[in-house]
C-alpha atoms as a PDB file:
ATOM      1  CA  UNK A   1     117.377 -67.944 -83.433  1.00  0.00           C
ATOM      2  CA  UNK A   2     118.299 -67.279 -87.083  1.00  0.00           C
ATOM      3  CA  UNK A   3     121.213 -69.528 -88.331  1.00  0.00           C
ATOM      4  CA  UNK A   4     121.603 -67.404 -91.618  1.00  0.00           C
ATOM      5  CA  UNK A   5     123.994 -64.518 -92.083  1.00  0.00           C
ATOM      6  CA  UNK A   6     123.006 -61.269 -93.540  1.00  0.00           C
ATOM      7  CA  UNK A   7     125.074 -58.837 -95.530  1.00  0.00           C
ATOM      8  CA  UNK A   8     124.757 -55.132 -94.679  1.00  0.00           C
ATOM      9  CA  UNK A   9     125.788 -52.176 -96.720  1.00  0.00           C
ATOM     10  CA  UNK A  10     124.399 -48.652 -97.146  1.00  0.00           C
ATOM     11  CA  UNK A  11     125.479 -45.885 -99.190  1.00  0.00           C
ATOM     12  CA  UNK A  12     125.470 -43.636 -95.962  1.00  0.00           C
ATOM     13  CA  UNK A  13     128.688 -44.960 -95.332  1.00  0.00           C
ATOM     14  CA  UNK A  14     131.867 -45.677 -97.417  1.00  0.00           C
ATOM     15  CA  UNK A  15     131.733 -48.497 -99.844  1.00  0.00           C
ATOM     16  CA  UNK A  16     134.286 -51.397 -98.978  1.00  0.00           C
ATOM     17  CA  UNK A  17     137.744 -50.728-100.271  1.00  0.00           C
ATOM     18  CA  UNK A  18     138.587 -54.518-100.781  1.00  0.00           C
ATOM     19  CA  UNK A  19     136.947 -57.773-100.915  1.00  0.00           C
ATOM     20  CA  UNK A  20     134.768 -57.540 -97.703  1.00  0.00           C
ATOM     21  CA  UNK A  21     131.297 -56.338 -96.648  1.00  0.00           C
ATOM     22  CA  UNK A  22     130.617 -52.984 -94.119  1.00  0.00           C
ATOM     23  CA  UNK A  23     128.999 -55.480 -91.972  1.00  0.00           C
ATOM     24  CA  UNK A  24     127.369 -59.150 -91.280  1.00  0.00           C
ATOM     25  CA  UNK A  25     124.729 -59.848 -89.289  1.00  0.00           C
ATOM     26  CA  UNK A  26     124.842 -63.535 -88.063  1.00  0.00           C
ATOM     27  CA  UNK A  27     121.661 -64.225 -85.656  1.00  0.00           C
ATOM     28  CA  UNK A  28     121.478 -61.489 -83.237  1.00  0.00           C
ATOM     29  CA  UNK A  29     125.044 -60.177 -83.550  1.00  0.00           C
ATOM     30  CA  UNK A  30     126.312 -57.586 -85.770  1.00  0.00           C
ATOM     31  CA  UNK A  31     130.148 -57.579 -86.999  1.00  0.00           C
ATOM     32  CA  UNK A  32     130.981 -54.353 -88.286  1.00  0.00           C
ATOM     33  CA  UNK A  33     134.168 -54.169 -90.417  1.00  0.00           C
ATOM     34  CA  UNK A  34     136.872 -51.538 -89.537  1.00  0.00           C
ATOM     35  CA  UNK A  35     135.865 -47.883 -90.610  1.00  0.00           C
ATOM     36  CA  UNK A  36     138.167 -45.465 -91.465  1.00  0.00           C
ATOM     37  CA  UNK A  37     137.568 -41.496 -92.069  1.00  0.00           C
ATOM     38  CA  UNK A  38     136.257 -41.869 -95.782  1.00  0.00           C
ATOM     39  CA  UNK A  39     133.161 -39.597 -96.754  1.00  0.00           C
ATOM     40  CA  UNK A  40     130.527 -41.480 -98.060  1.00  0.00           C
ATOM     41  CA  UNK A  41     129.453 -38.803-100.363  1.00  0.00           C
ATOM     42  CA  UNK A  42     132.807 -38.342-102.101  1.00  0.00           C
ATOM     43  CA  UNK A  43     134.856 -41.476-101.526  1.00  0.00           C
ATOM     44  CA  UNK A  44     137.655 -39.266-100.345  1.00  0.00           C
ATOM     45  CA  UNK A  45     139.418 -38.883 -96.948  1.00  0.00           C
ATOM     46  CA  UNK A  46     138.336 -36.567 -94.421  1.00  0.00           C
ATOM     47  CA  UNK A  47     141.260 -33.766 -94.385  1.00  0.00           C
ATOM     48  CA  UNK A  48     141.654 -32.339 -91.009  1.00  0.00           C
ATOM     49  CA  UNK A  49     142.290 -32.905 -87.196  1.00  0.00           C
ATOM     50  CA  UNK A  50     142.412 -36.561 -85.598  1.00  0.00           C
ATOM     51  CA  UNK A  51     139.256 -35.324 -83.741  1.00  0.00           C
ATOM     52  CA  UNK A  52     137.540 -34.857 -87.397  1.00  0.00           C
ATOM     53  CA  UNK A  53     138.886 -38.192 -88.530  1.00  0.00           C
ATOM     54  CA  UNK A  54     137.497 -39.965 -85.579  1.00  0.00           C
ATOM     55  CA  UNK A  55     133.991 -38.299 -85.892  1.00  0.00           C
ATOM     56  CA  UNK A  56     133.783 -39.432 -89.289  1.00  0.00           C
ATOM     57  CA  UNK A  57     134.765 -42.740 -88.447  1.00  0.00           C
ATOM     58  CA  UNK A  58     131.997 -42.954 -85.775  1.00  0.00           C
ATOM     59  CA  UNK A  59     129.622 -41.290 -88.422  1.00  0.00           C
ATOM     60  CA  UNK A  60     130.418 -44.323 -90.700  1.00  0.00           C
ATOM     61  CA  UNK A  61     129.620 -46.747 -87.702  1.00  0.00           C
ATOM     62  CA  UNK A  62     126.493 -44.954 -86.960  1.00  0.00           C
ATOM     63  CA  UNK A  63     125.169 -45.242 -90.583  1.00  0.00           C
ATOM     64  CA  UNK A  64     126.030 -49.203 -90.646  1.00  0.00           C
ATOM     65  CA  UNK A  65     124.528 -49.672 -87.231  1.00  0.00           C
ATOM     66  CA  UNK A  66     121.198 -47.752 -88.429  1.00  0.00           C
ATOM     67  CA  UNK A  67     120.860 -49.725 -91.731  1.00  0.00           C
ATOM     68  CA  UNK A  68     120.932 -53.018 -89.630  1.00  0.00           C
ATOM     69  CA  UNK A  69     118.612 -51.831 -87.100  1.00  0.00           C
ATOM     70  CA  UNK A  70     120.962 -51.272 -84.301  1.00  0.00           C
ATOM     71  CA  UNK A  71     122.218 -48.338 -82.317  1.00  0.00           C
ATOM     72  CA  UNK A  72     125.482 -47.292 -80.097  1.00  0.00           C
ATOM     73  CA  UNK A  73     123.878 -48.882 -77.254  1.00  0.00           C
ATOM     74  CA  UNK A  74     123.910 -52.190 -78.999  1.00  0.00           C
ATOM     75  CA  UNK A  75     127.458 -52.356 -79.162  1.00  0.00           C
ATOM     76  CA  UNK A  76     129.186 -54.847 -77.301  1.00  0.00           C
ATOM     77  CA  UNK A  77     132.803 -54.399 -78.254  1.00  0.00           C
ATOM     78  CA  UNK A  78     135.022 -52.208 -80.333  1.00  0.00           C
ATOM     79  CA  UNK A  79     138.374 -52.099 -81.543  1.00  0.00           C
ATOM     80  CA  UNK A  80     140.374 -48.539 -82.138  1.00  0.00           C
ATOM     81  CA  UNK A  81     143.367 -48.995 -84.074  1.00  0.00           C
ATOM     82  CA  UNK A  82     145.540 -45.936 -83.860  1.00  0.00           C
ATOM     83  CA  UNK A  83     148.577 -44.902 -86.007  1.00  0.00           C
ATOM     84  CA  UNK A  84     150.154 -42.640 -82.708  1.00  0.00           C
ATOM     85  CA  UNK A  85     149.097 -43.560 -79.419  1.00  0.00           C
ATOM     86  CA  UNK A  86     149.217 -39.769 -78.813  1.00  0.00           C
ATOM     87  CA  UNK A  87     146.192 -39.517 -80.498  1.00  0.00           C
ATOM     88  CA  UNK A  88     144.615 -41.451 -77.743  1.00  0.00           C
ATOM     89  CA  UNK A  89     142.938 -38.627 -76.020  1.00  0.00           C
ATOM     90  CA  UNK A  90     141.391 -36.859 -78.652  1.00  0.00           C
ATOM     91  CA  UNK A  91     139.866 -39.774 -80.148  1.00  0.00           C
ATOM     92  CA  UNK A  92     138.761 -41.048 -76.506  1.00  0.00           C
ATOM     93  CA  UNK A  93     136.864 -37.489 -76.081  1.00  0.00           C
ATOM     94  CA  UNK A  94     134.961 -38.004 -79.526  1.00  0.00           C
ATOM     95  CA  UNK A  95     134.321 -41.749 -78.888  1.00  0.00           C
ATOM     96  CA  UNK A  96     132.772 -40.724 -75.430  1.00  0.00           C
ATOM     97  CA  UNK A  97     130.229 -38.460 -77.363  1.00  0.00           C
ATOM     98  CA  UNK A  98     128.849 -41.272 -79.127  1.00  0.00           C
ATOM     99  CA  UNK A  99     128.794 -44.040 -76.602  1.00  0.00           C
ATOM    100  CA  UNK A 100     126.854 -41.996 -74.039  1.00  0.00           C
ATOM    101  CA  UNK A 101     125.388 -44.594 -71.982  1.00  0.00           C
ATOM    102  CA  UNK A 102     126.938 -48.100 -71.239  1.00  0.00           C
ATOM    103  CA  UNK A 103     129.950 -48.212 -72.782  1.00  0.00           C
ATOM    104  CA  UNK A 104     131.014 -51.496 -74.606  1.00  0.00           C
ATOM    105  CA  UNK A 105     134.125 -53.607 -74.079  1.00  0.00           C
ATOM    106  CA  UNK A 106     137.093 -51.997 -75.826  1.00  0.00           C
ATOM    107  CA  UNK A 107     140.555 -52.234 -76.586  1.00  0.00           C
ATOM    108  CA  UNK A 108     142.905 -49.493 -78.304  1.00  0.00           C
ATOM    109  CA  UNK A 109     145.901 -50.452 -79.828  1.00  0.00           C
ATOM    110  CA  UNK A 110     149.000 -48.674 -81.813  1.00  0.00           C
ATOM    111  CA  UNK A 111     149.814 -50.269 -85.198  1.00  0.00           C
ATOM    112  CA  UNK A 112     152.551 -49.474 -87.726  1.00  0.00           C
ATOM    113  CA  UNK A 113     150.022 -48.314 -90.564  1.00  0.00           C
ATOM    114  CA  UNK A 114     146.335 -48.205 -91.585  1.00  0.00           C
ATOM    115  CA  UNK A 115     144.512 -48.147 -94.776  1.00  0.00           C
ATOM    116  CA  UNK A 116     145.248 -44.904 -97.086  1.00  0.00           C
ATOM    117  CA  UNK A 117     147.490 -43.906 -94.372  1.00  0.00           C
ATOM    118  CA  UNK A 118     144.618 -42.653 -91.903  1.00  0.00           C
ATOM    119  CA  UNK A 119     145.212 -42.083 -88.276  1.00  0.00           C
ATOM    120  CA  UNK A 120     142.360 -44.338 -86.781  1.00  0.00           C
ATOM    121  CA  UNK A 121     140.241 -47.047 -87.521  1.00  0.00           C
ATOM    122  CA  UNK A 122     137.381 -48.677 -85.564  1.00  0.00           C
ATOM    123  CA  UNK A 123     135.591 -51.874 -85.890  1.00  0.00           C
ATOM    124  CA  UNK A 124     132.604 -52.978 -83.910  1.00  0.00           C
ATOM    125  CA  UNK A 125     130.516 -55.870 -82.847  1.00  0.00           C
ATOM    126  CA  UNK A 126     126.777 -55.134 -81.664  1.00  0.00           C
ATOM    127  CA  UNK A 127     123.998 -57.378 -80.088  1.00  0.00           C
ATOM    128  CA  UNK A 128     120.333 -57.281 -79.656  1.00  0.00           C
ATOM    129  CA  UNK A 129     117.780 -59.541 -79.099  1.00  0.00           C
END
């Protein structure tokens, strides 16, 4: 098993907005930083419904997974941060279109605020042999 860590970054997902990386691969495990609804092309927030925000967040996660050689089927854990728990159903509906096989472990929490005042942020952990 590899004992090194590898920084994963792709231009197909938004650049980090602070002192962190999009993801770190350590051994067989990929740790993906929380993603928000930033367009990788413009660096601007997606303006739209909570469903559109969630879709962009999951597209960003997909790009990072792909860059590292992983897919959504390799995701073992996610954390969803919501500014308003009233958005849970809409985000869950979009989430379910990306995780169509065995769903990972997950928690969803409501928080007082998120970066750039977004409505949803999702982080993930993936693993594969």
